[in-house]
Amino acid sequence: VFQYMFKSDCQFINGTEKVRFVERRFYNRLQFVMFDSDVGHYVGFTPFGEKQARYWNNNPQLMEYKRGQVDNYCRHNYEVDAP
């Protein structure tokens, strides 16, 4: 069975003081790569995920965009996402 899933979420600690953006990618229920704004780059968990992480981490425009998601996506949508 082929199954690909992409999930991104924001984690708020103390309002918008500490915000974390996390993007995860799964294939057949196995997480193969993850971006964490606290780390600042992609991390691979499988051989394929490590290859993808290296490819994406070497793209400066993509990395700038992903690091900016904390402000552009998370803080911007805080009112919608907050409990």
C-alpha atoms as a PDB file:
ATOM      1  CA  VAL A   1       0.000   0.000   0.000  1.00  0.00           C
ATOM      2  CA  PHE A   2       1.374   3.376  -1.016  1.00  0.00           C
ATOM      3  CA  GLN A   3       0.785   6.115   1.523  1.00  0.00           C
ATOM      4  CA  TYR A   4       2.474   9.513   1.664  1.00  0.00           C
ATOM      5  CA  MET A   5       1.614  12.046   4.332  1.00  0.00           C
ATOM      6  CA  PHE A   6       2.857  15.551   4.961  1.00  0.00           C
ATOM      7  CA  LYS A   7       2.144  17.247   8.268  1.00  0.00           C
ATOM      8  CA  SER A   8       3.162  20.645   9.576  1.00  0.00           C
ATOM      9  CA  ASP A   9       2.219  22.270  12.832  1.00  0.00           C
ATOM     10  CA  CYS A  10       3.055  25.128  15.140  1.00  0.00           C
ATOM     11  CA  GLN A  11       3.835  24.742  18.811  1.00  0.00           C
ATOM     12  CA  PHE A  12       3.264  27.795  20.994  1.00  0.00           C
ATOM     13  CA  ILE A  13       4.938  28.193  24.374  1.00  0.00           C
ATOM     14  CA  ASN A  14       3.949  31.242  26.421  1.00  0.00           C
ATOM     15  CA  GLY A  15       1.874  32.835  23.668  1.00  0.00           C
ATOM     16  CA  THR A  16       3.991  33.993  20.758  1.00  0.00           C
ATOM     17  CA  GLU A  17       7.173  34.380  22.814  1.00  0.00           C
ATOM     18  CA  LYS A  18       8.447  30.909  21.957  1.00  0.00           C
ATOM     19  CA  VAL A  19       7.099  29.468  18.713  1.00  0.00           C
ATOM     20  CA  ARG A  20       8.256  26.312  16.966  1.00  0.00           C
ATOM     21  CA  PHE A  21       7.409  25.204  13.414  1.00  0.00           C
ATOM     22  CA  VAL A  22       7.664  21.466  12.703  1.00  0.00           C
ATOM     23  CA  GLU A  23       7.150  19.770   9.336  1.00  0.00           C
ATOM     24  CA  ARG A  24       7.097  15.972   9.088  1.00  0.00           C
ATOM     25  CA  ARG A  25       6.928  13.684   6.075  1.00  0.00           C
ATOM     26  CA  PHE A  26       5.821  10.069   6.248  1.00  0.00           C
ATOM     27  CA  TYR A  27       5.839   7.197   3.787  1.00  0.00           C
ATOM     28  CA  ASN A  28       3.894   4.041   4.698  1.00  0.00           C
ATOM     29  CA  ARG A  29       3.482   5.318   8.271  1.00  0.00           C
ATOM     30  CA  LEU A  30       7.246   5.760   8.717  1.00  0.00           C
ATOM     31  CA  GLN A  31       8.611   9.253   9.284  1.00  0.00           C
ATOM     32  CA  PHE A  32      11.493   9.670   6.884  1.00  0.00           C
ATOM     33  CA  VAL A  33      12.354  13.367   7.201  1.00  0.00           C
ATOM     34  CA  MET A  34      11.553  16.300   9.488  1.00  0.00           C
ATOM     35  CA  PHE A  35      12.161  20.050   9.579  1.00  0.00           C
ATOM     36  CA  ASP A  36      12.277  21.696  12.992  1.00  0.00           C
ATOM     37  CA  SER A  37      12.654  25.480  13.206  1.00  0.00           C
ATOM     38  CA  ASP A  38      14.582  25.112  16.485  1.00  0.00           C
ATOM     39  CA  VAL A  39      17.177  22.974  14.674  1.00  0.00           C
ATOM     40  CA  GLY A  40      16.979  25.101  11.515  1.00  0.00           C
ATOM     41  CA  HIS A  41      17.358  22.354   8.913  1.00  0.00           C
ATOM     42  CA  TYR A  42      15.932  19.041   7.731  1.00  0.00           C
ATOM     43  CA  VAL A  43      16.882  15.828   9.513  1.00  0.00           C
ATOM     44  CA  GLY A  44      16.559  12.432   7.805  1.00  0.00           C
ATOM     45  CA  PHE A  45      15.553   9.266   9.643  1.00  0.00           C
ATOM     46  CA  THR A  46      15.912   6.715   6.831  1.00  0.00           C
ATOM     47  CA  PRO A  47      18.490   6.414   4.032  1.00  0.00           C
ATOM     48  CA  PHE A  48      16.027   8.038   1.620  1.00  0.00           C
ATOM     49  CA  GLY A  49      15.177  10.714   4.199  1.00  0.00           C
ATOM     50  CA  GLU A  50      18.854  11.527   4.722  1.00  0.00           C
ATOM     51  CA  LYS A  51      19.284  11.952   0.969  1.00  0.00           C
ATOM     52  CA  GLN A  52      16.237  14.238   0.774  1.00  0.00           C
ATOM     53  CA  ALA A  53      17.423  16.222   3.809  1.00  0.00           C
ATOM     54  CA  ARG A  54      20.847  16.821   2.224  1.00  0.00           C
ATOM     55  CA  TYR A  55      19.197  17.933  -1.033  1.00  0.00           C
ATOM     56  CA  TRP A  56      16.781  20.349   0.689  1.00  0.00           C
ATOM     57  CA  ASN A  57      19.379  21.675   3.149  1.00  0.00           C
ATOM     58  CA  ASN A  58      21.623  22.630   0.214  1.00  0.00           C
ATOM     59  CA  ASN A  59      18.892  24.867  -1.247  1.00  0.00           C
ATOM     60  CA  PRO A  60      19.399  28.306   0.387  1.00  0.00           C
ATOM     61  CA  GLN A  61      16.078  29.721  -0.880  1.00  0.00           C
ATOM     62  CA  LEU A  62      14.095  26.800   0.544  1.00  0.00           C
ATOM     63  CA  MET A  63      15.920  26.993   3.878  1.00  0.00           C
ATOM     64  CA  GLU A  64      15.234  30.723   4.154  1.00  0.00           C
ATOM     65  CA  TYR A  65      11.560  30.079   3.403  1.00  0.00           C
ATOM     66  CA  LYS A  66      11.262  27.230   5.938  1.00  0.00           C
ATOM     67  CA  ARG A  67      12.991  29.213   8.681  1.00  0.00           C
ATOM     68  CA  GLY A  68      10.614  32.109   7.987  1.00  0.00           C
ATOM     69  CA  GLN A  69       7.548  29.908   8.490  1.00  0.00           C
ATOM     70  CA  VAL A  70       7.673  30.650  12.233  1.00  0.00           C
ATOM     71  CA  ASP A  71       6.762  34.273  11.519  1.00  0.00           C
ATOM     72  CA  ASN A  72       4.818  33.955   8.265  1.00  0.00           C
ATOM     73  CA  TYR A  73       2.707  30.929   9.169  1.00  0.00           C
ATOM     74  CA  CYS A  74       2.729  30.351  12.920  1.00  0.00           C
ATOM     75  CA  ARG A  75       2.697  33.817  14.472  1.00  0.00           C
ATOM     76  CA  HIS A  76       0.436  35.102  11.708  1.00  0.00           C
ATOM     77  CA  ASN A  77      -2.169  32.402  12.493  1.00  0.00           C
ATOM     78  CA  TYR A  78      -1.771  32.440  16.290  1.00  0.00           C
ATOM     79  CA  GLU A  79      -5.324  33.677  16.918  1.00  0.00           C
ATOM     80  CA  VAL A  80      -6.754  30.835  14.826  1.00  0.00           C
ATOM     81  CA  ASP A  81      -4.478  28.124  16.239  1.00  0.00           C
ATOM     82  CA  ALA A  82      -4.332  29.142  19.911  1.00  0.00           C
ATOM     83  CA  PRO A  83      -6.436  27.253  22.456  1.00  0.00           C
END
